[in-house]
């Protein structure tokens, strides 16, 4: 379990260091990230939901664990 979490931490750090094309929706996400209300990001498979969340949270400390 520890090895899996460490590997996922490295994956998160790699994604956060990668440059991505800014999307229109990214401009307004900051105000939503700051509230304590739970957010749900939905979409079809492989459309970039995880990367979108990483980019939205990149300036905030957060933990990431993938249970797939």
PDB file of N, CA and C in Angstrom:
ATOM      1  N   UNK A   1       0.836  -1.190   0.000  1.00  0.00           N
ATOM      2  CA  UNK A   1       0.000   0.000   0.000  1.00  0.00           C
ATOM      3  C   UNK A   1       0.883   1.257   0.000  1.00  0.00           C
ATOM      4  N   UNK A   2       1.904   1.230   0.824  1.00  0.00           N
ATOM      5  CA  UNK A   2       2.803   2.386   0.914  1.00  0.00           C
ATOM      6  C   UNK A   2       3.468   2.662  -0.432  1.00  0.00           C
ATOM      7  N   UNK A   3       3.908   1.607  -1.106  1.00  0.00           N
ATOM      8  CA  UNK A   3       4.555   1.765  -2.407  1.00  0.00           C
ATOM      9  C   UNK A   3       3.599   2.358  -3.437  1.00  0.00           C
ATOM     10  N   UNK A   4       2.353   1.924  -3.387  1.00  0.00           N
ATOM     11  CA  UNK A   4       1.344   2.440  -4.324  1.00  0.00           C
ATOM     12  C   UNK A   4       1.122   3.925  -4.088  1.00  0.00           C
ATOM     13  N   UNK A   5       0.997   4.319  -2.838  1.00  0.00           N
ATOM     14  CA  UNK A   5       0.768   5.729  -2.509  1.00  0.00           C
ATOM     15  C   UNK A   5       1.975   6.578  -2.909  1.00  0.00           C
ATOM     16  N   UNK A   6       3.177   6.087  -2.675  1.00  0.00           N
ATOM     17  CA  UNK A   6       4.375   6.833  -3.076  1.00  0.00           C
ATOM     18  C   UNK A   6       4.461   6.974  -4.594  1.00  0.00           C
ATOM     19  N   UNK A   7       4.106   5.913  -5.318  1.00  0.00           N
ATOM     20  CA  UNK A   7       4.122   5.970  -6.782  1.00  0.00           C
ATOM     21  C   UNK A   7       3.091   6.981  -7.289  1.00  0.00           C
ATOM     22  N   UNK A   8       1.924   7.004  -6.661  1.00  0.00           N
ATOM     23  CA  UNK A   8       0.893   7.956  -7.063  1.00  0.00           C
ATOM     24  C   UNK A   8       1.292   9.385  -6.711  1.00  0.00           C
ATOM     25  N   UNK A   9       2.025   9.560  -5.632  1.00  0.00           N
ATOM     26  CA  UNK A   9       2.526  10.893  -5.283  1.00  0.00           C
ATOM     27  C   UNK A   9       3.481  11.390  -6.361  1.00  0.00           C
ATOM     28  N   UNK A  10       4.344  10.510  -6.847  1.00  0.00           N
ATOM     29  CA  UNK A  10       5.259  10.875  -7.925  1.00  0.00           C
ATOM     30  C   UNK A  10       4.491  11.200  -9.203  1.00  0.00           C
ATOM     31  N   UNK A  11       3.437  10.438  -9.472  1.00  0.00           N
ATOM     32  CA  UNK A  11       2.596  10.698 -10.647  1.00  0.00           C
ATOM     33  C   UNK A  11       1.959  12.083 -10.547  1.00  0.00           C
ATOM     34  N   UNK A  12       1.446  12.420  -9.373  1.00  0.00           N
ATOM     35  CA  UNK A  12       0.832  13.732  -9.144  1.00  0.00           C
ATOM     36  C   UNK A  12       1.848  14.841  -9.383  1.00  0.00           C
ATOM     37  N   UNK A  13       3.041  14.694  -8.830  1.00  0.00           N
ATOM     38  CA  UNK A  13       4.080  15.714  -8.991  1.00  0.00           C
ATOM     39  C   UNK A  13       4.480  15.874 -10.454  1.00  0.00           C
ATOM     40  N   UNK A  14       4.551  14.773 -11.178  1.00  0.00           N
ATOM     41  CA  UNK A  14       4.884  14.822 -12.603  1.00  0.00           C
ATOM     42  C   UNK A  14       3.812  15.574 -13.387  1.00  0.00           C
ATOM     43  N   UNK A  15       2.558  15.288 -13.099  1.00  0.00           N
ATOM     44  CA  UNK A  15       1.453  15.964 -13.790  1.00  0.00           C
ATOM     45  C   UNK A  15       1.472  17.458 -13.494  1.00  0.00           C
ATOM     46  N   UNK A  16       1.723  17.825 -12.243  1.00  0.00           N
ATOM     47  CA  UNK A  16       1.717  19.238 -11.869  1.00  0.00           C
ATOM     48  C   UNK A  16       2.873  20.017 -12.488  1.00  0.00           C
ATOM     49  N   UNK A  17       3.960  19.344 -12.844  1.00  0.00           N
ATOM     50  CA  UNK A  17       5.107  20.014 -13.466  1.00  0.00           C
ATOM     51  C   UNK A  17       4.936  20.177 -14.973  1.00  0.00           C
ATOM     52  N   UNK A  18       4.019  19.432 -15.554  1.00  0.00           N
ATOM     53  CA  UNK A  18       3.823  19.453 -17.003  1.00  0.00           C
ATOM     54  C   UNK A  18       3.027  20.684 -17.414  1.00  0.00           C
ATOM     55  N   UNK A  19       3.428  21.305 -18.504  1.00  0.00           N
ATOM     56  CA  UNK A  19       2.703  22.468 -19.033  1.00  0.00           C
ATOM     57  C   UNK A  19       1.514  21.986 -19.866  1.00  0.00           C
ATOM     58  N   UNK A  20       0.370  22.580 -19.644  1.00  0.00           N
ATOM     59  CA  UNK A  20      -0.840  22.237 -20.373  1.00  0.00           C
ATOM     60  C   UNK A  20      -1.446  23.486 -20.987  1.00  0.00           C
ATOM     61  N   UNK A  21      -2.231  23.299 -22.018  1.00  0.00           N
ATOM     62  CA  UNK A  21      -2.934  24.408 -22.657  1.00  0.00           C
ATOM     63  C   UNK A  21      -4.036  24.871 -21.710  1.00  0.00           C
ATOM     64  N   UNK A  22      -4.048  26.155 -21.344  1.00  0.00           N
ATOM     65  CA  UNK A  22      -5.104  26.642 -20.454  1.00  0.00           C
ATOM     66  C   UNK A  22      -6.466  26.568 -21.143  1.00  0.00           C
ATOM     67  N   UNK A  23      -7.458  26.134 -20.432  1.00  0.00           N
ATOM     68  CA  UNK A  23      -8.815  26.012 -20.959  1.00  0.00           C
ATOM     69  C   UNK A  23      -9.676  27.156 -20.438  1.00  0.00           C
ATOM     70  N   UNK A  24     -10.705  27.473 -21.183  1.00  0.00           N
ATOM     71  CA  UNK A  24     -11.619  28.561 -20.817  1.00  0.00           C
ATOM     72  C   UNK A  24     -12.206  28.357 -19.420  1.00  0.00           C
ATOM     73  N   UNK A  25     -12.602  27.154 -19.108  1.00  0.00           N
ATOM     74  CA  UNK A  25     -13.221  26.877 -17.815  1.00  0.00           C
ATOM     75  C   UNK A  25     -12.229  27.073 -16.665  1.00  0.00           C
ATOM     76  N   UNK A  26     -10.942  26.936 -16.928  1.00  0.00           N
ATOM     77  CA  UNK A  26      -9.928  27.073 -15.880  1.00  0.00           C
ATOM     78  C   UNK A  26      -9.868  28.475 -15.296  1.00  0.00           C
ATOM     79  N   UNK A  27     -10.283  29.467 -16.060  1.00  0.00           N
ATOM     80  CA  UNK A  27     -10.211  30.853 -15.598  1.00  0.00           C
ATOM     81  C   UNK A  27     -11.133  31.118 -14.412  1.00  0.00           C
ATOM     82  N   UNK A  28     -12.257  30.430 -14.345  1.00  0.00           N
ATOM     83  CA  UNK A  28     -13.248  30.690 -13.301  1.00  0.00           C
ATOM     84  C   UNK A  28     -13.231  29.672 -12.172  1.00  0.00           C
ATOM     85  N   UNK A  29     -12.376  28.689 -12.243  1.00  0.00           N
ATOM     86  CA  UNK A  29     -12.411  27.602 -11.270  1.00  0.00           C
ATOM     87  C   UNK A  29     -11.934  28.027  -9.884  1.00  0.00           C
ATOM     88  N   UNK A  30     -11.067  29.028  -9.806  1.00  0.00           N
ATOM     89  CA  UNK A  30     -10.501  29.456  -8.518  1.00  0.00           C
ATOM     90  C   UNK A  30     -11.578  29.767  -7.479  1.00  0.00           C
ATOM     91  N   UNK A  31     -12.620  30.487  -7.875  1.00  0.00           N
ATOM     92  CA  UNK A  31     -13.652  30.863  -6.894  1.00  0.00           C
ATOM     93  C   UNK A  31     -14.420  29.654  -6.378  1.00  0.00           C
ATOM     94  N   UNK A  32     -14.533  28.613  -7.186  1.00  0.00           N
ATOM     95  CA  UNK A  32     -15.242  27.413  -6.756  1.00  0.00           C
ATOM     96  C   UNK A  32     -14.372  26.529  -5.873  1.00  0.00           C
ATOM     97  N   UNK A  33     -13.090  26.514  -6.127  1.00  0.00           N
ATOM     98  CA  UNK A  33     -12.169  25.679  -5.357  1.00  0.00           C
ATOM     99  C   UNK A  33     -12.094  26.155  -3.911  1.00  0.00           C
ATOM    100  N   UNK A  34     -12.231  27.431  -3.682  1.00  0.00           N
ATOM    101  CA  UNK A  34     -12.074  28.003  -2.345  1.00  0.00           C
ATOM    102  C   UNK A  34     -13.206  27.647  -1.383  1.00  0.00           C
ATOM    103  N   UNK A  35     -14.383  27.292  -1.871  1.00  0.00           N
ATOM    104  CA  UNK A  35     -15.505  27.000  -0.976  1.00  0.00           C
ATOM    105  C   UNK A  35     -15.385  25.588  -0.406  1.00  0.00           C
ATOM    106  N   UNK A  36     -16.068  25.352   0.718  1.00  0.00           N
ATOM    107  CA  UNK A  36     -16.017  24.051   1.388  1.00  0.00           C
ATOM    108  C   UNK A  36     -17.023  23.052   0.823  1.00  0.00           C
ATOM    109  N   UNK A  37     -17.813  23.466  -0.128  1.00  0.00           N
ATOM    110  CA  UNK A  37     -18.820  22.581  -0.712  1.00  0.00           C
ATOM    111  C   UNK A  37     -18.126  21.522  -1.570  1.00  0.00           C
ATOM    112  N   UNK A  38     -18.614  20.293  -1.501  1.00  0.00           N
ATOM    113  CA  UNK A  38     -18.049  19.197  -2.294  1.00  0.00           C
ATOM    114  C   UNK A  38     -18.307  19.450  -3.769  1.00  0.00           C
ATOM    115  N   UNK A  39     -17.281  19.207  -4.569  1.00  0.00           N
ATOM    116  CA  UNK A  39     -17.399  19.379  -6.019  1.00  0.00           C
ATOM    117  C   UNK A  39     -17.339  18.017  -6.686  1.00  0.00           C
ATOM    118  N   UNK A  40     -18.083  17.854  -7.775  1.00  0.00           N
ATOM    119  CA  UNK A  40     -18.066  16.622  -8.554  1.00  0.00           C
ATOM    120  C   UNK A  40     -17.708  16.989  -9.983  1.00  0.00           C
ATOM    121  N   UNK A  41     -16.681  16.343 -10.514  1.00  0.00           N
ATOM    122  CA  UNK A  41     -16.272  16.562 -11.899  1.00  0.00           C
ATOM    123  C   UNK A  41     -16.655  15.307 -12.669  1.00  0.00           C
ATOM    124  N   UNK A  42     -17.495  15.477 -13.675  1.00  0.00           N
ATOM    125  CA  UNK A  42     -17.949  14.331 -14.461  1.00  0.00           C
ATOM    126  C   UNK A  42     -17.580  14.509 -15.924  1.00  0.00           C
ATOM    127  N   UNK A  43     -17.548  13.420 -16.637  1.00  0.00           N
ATOM    128  CA  UNK A  43     -17.257  13.453 -18.066  1.00  0.00           C
ATOM    129  C   UNK A  43     -17.008  12.054 -18.583  1.00  0.00           C
ATOM    130  N   UNK A  44     -16.912  11.942 -19.892  1.00  0.00           N
ATOM    131  CA  UNK A  44     -16.657  10.645 -20.492  1.00  0.00           C
ATOM    132  C   UNK A  44     -15.254  10.177 -20.136  1.00  0.00           C
ATOM    133  N   UNK A  45     -14.985   8.912 -20.370  1.00  0.00           N
ATOM    134  CA  UNK A  45     -13.665   8.358 -20.064  1.00  0.00           C
ATOM    135  C   UNK A  45     -12.580   9.079 -20.845  1.00  0.00           C
ATOM    136  N   UNK A  46     -11.446   9.308 -20.180  1.00  0.00           N
ATOM    137  CA  UNK A  46     -10.231   9.858 -20.787  1.00  0.00           C
ATOM    138  C   UNK A  46     -10.411  11.250 -21.402  1.00  0.00           C
ATOM    139  N   UNK A  47     -11.274  12.052 -20.789  1.00  0.00           N
ATOM    140  CA  UNK A  47     -11.483  13.408 -21.311  1.00  0.00           C
ATOM    141  C   UNK A  47     -10.654  14.451 -20.563  1.00  0.00           C
ATOM    142  N   UNK A  48      -9.908  14.027 -19.525  1.00  0.00           N
ATOM    143  CA  UNK A  48      -9.042  14.956 -18.814  1.00  0.00           C
ATOM    144  C   UNK A  48      -9.559  15.412 -17.462  1.00  0.00           C
ATOM    145  N   UNK A  49     -10.466  14.660 -16.867  1.00  0.00           N
ATOM    146  CA  UNK A  49     -11.023  15.051 -15.567  1.00  0.00           C
ATOM    147  C   UNK A  49      -9.945  15.142 -14.487  1.00  0.00           C
ATOM    148  N   UNK A  50      -9.083  14.144 -14.424  1.00  0.00           N
ATOM    149  CA  UNK A  50      -8.032  14.136 -13.392  1.00  0.00           C
ATOM    150  C   UNK A  50      -7.060  15.285 -13.587  1.00  0.00           C
ATOM    151  N   UNK A  51      -6.619  15.501 -14.812  1.00  0.00           N
ATOM    152  CA  UNK A  51      -5.689  16.604 -15.086  1.00  0.00           C
ATOM    153  C   UNK A  51      -6.358  17.936 -14.778  1.00  0.00           C
ATOM    154  N   UNK A  52      -7.625  18.079 -15.141  1.00  0.00           N
ATOM    155  CA  UNK A  52      -8.369  19.301 -14.826  1.00  0.00           C
ATOM    156  C   UNK A  52      -8.365  19.546 -13.315  1.00  0.00           C
ATOM    157  N   UNK A  53      -8.627  18.506 -12.537  1.00  0.00           N
ATOM    158  CA  UNK A  53      -8.644  18.652 -11.078  1.00  0.00           C
ATOM    159  C   UNK A  53      -7.262  19.003 -10.540  1.00  0.00           C
ATOM    160  N   UNK A  54      -6.229  18.351 -11.071  1.00  0.00           N
ATOM    161  CA  UNK A  54      -4.863  18.681 -10.650  1.00  0.00           C
ATOM    162  C   UNK A  54      -4.553  20.149 -10.924  1.00  0.00           C
ATOM    163  N   UNK A  55      -4.918  20.626 -12.087  1.00  0.00           N
ATOM    164  CA  UNK A  55      -4.640  22.013 -12.456  1.00  0.00           C
ATOM    165  C   UNK A  55      -5.460  22.982 -11.595  1.00  0.00           C
ATOM    166  N   UNK A  56      -6.691  22.625 -11.282  1.00  0.00           N
ATOM    167  CA  UNK A  56      -7.537  23.483 -10.450  1.00  0.00           C
ATOM    168  C   UNK A  56      -6.994  23.576  -9.028  1.00  0.00           C
ATOM    169  N   UNK A  57      -6.369  22.506  -8.562  1.00  0.00           N
ATOM    170  CA  UNK A  57      -5.885  22.448  -7.178  1.00  0.00           C
ATOM    171  C   UNK A  57      -4.386  22.683  -7.045  1.00  0.00           C
ATOM    172  N   UNK A  58      -3.715  23.004  -8.125  1.00  0.00           N
ATOM    173  CA  UNK A  58      -2.248  23.077  -8.106  1.00  0.00           C
ATOM    174  C   UNK A  58      -1.709  24.088  -7.097  1.00  0.00           C
ATOM    175  N   UNK A  59      -2.442  25.142  -6.774  1.00  0.00           N
ATOM    176  CA  UNK A  59      -1.962  26.154  -5.824  1.00  0.00           C
ATOM    177  C   UNK A  59      -2.414  25.883  -4.394  1.00  0.00           C
ATOM    178  N   UNK A  60      -3.065  24.756  -4.199  1.00  0.00           N
ATOM    179  CA  UNK A  60      -3.574  24.373  -2.884  1.00  0.00           C
ATOM    180  C   UNK A  60      -2.964  23.017  -2.538  1.00  0.00           C
ATOM    181  N   UNK A  61      -2.530  22.841  -1.311  1.00  0.00           N
ATOM    182  CA  UNK A  61      -2.024  21.531  -0.916  1.00  0.00           C
ATOM    183  C   UNK A  61      -3.158  20.517  -0.908  1.00  0.00           C
ATOM    184  N   UNK A  62      -2.940  19.371  -1.538  1.00  0.00           N
ATOM    185  CA  UNK A  62      -3.978  18.344  -1.556  1.00  0.00           C
ATOM    186  C   UNK A  62      -3.342  16.971  -1.670  1.00  0.00           C
ATOM    187  N   UNK A  63      -4.076  15.985  -1.216  1.00  0.00           N
ATOM    188  CA  UNK A  63      -3.632  14.596  -1.315  1.00  0.00           C
ATOM    189  C   UNK A  63      -4.335  13.945  -2.496  1.00  0.00           C
ATOM    190  N   UNK A  64      -3.684  12.931  -3.066  1.00  0.00           N
ATOM    191  CA  UNK A  64      -4.250  12.224  -4.209  1.00  0.00           C
ATOM    192  C   UNK A  64      -4.010  10.736  -4.035  1.00  0.00           C
ATOM    193  N   UNK A  65      -5.087   9.961  -4.061  1.00  0.00           N
ATOM    194  CA  UNK A  65      -4.989   8.508  -4.038  1.00  0.00           C
ATOM    195  C   UNK A  65      -5.979   7.977  -5.055  1.00  0.00           C
ATOM    196  N   UNK A  66      -5.490   7.157  -5.978  1.00  0.00           N
ATOM    197  CA  UNK A  66      -6.323   6.575  -7.025  1.00  0.00           C
ATOM    198  C   UNK A  66      -6.670   5.150  -6.622  1.00  0.00           C
ATOM    199  N   UNK A  67      -7.953   4.835  -6.510  1.00  0.00           N
ATOM    200  CA  UNK A  67      -8.390   3.507  -6.091  1.00  0.00           C
ATOM    201  C   UNK A  67      -8.767   2.602  -7.253  1.00  0.00           C
ATOM    202  N   UNK A  68      -8.446   3.015  -8.482  1.00  0.00           N
ATOM    203  CA  UNK A  68      -8.738   2.151  -9.641  1.00  0.00           C
ATOM    204  C   UNK A  68      -7.855   0.935  -9.651  1.00  0.00           C
TER     205      UNK A  68
END
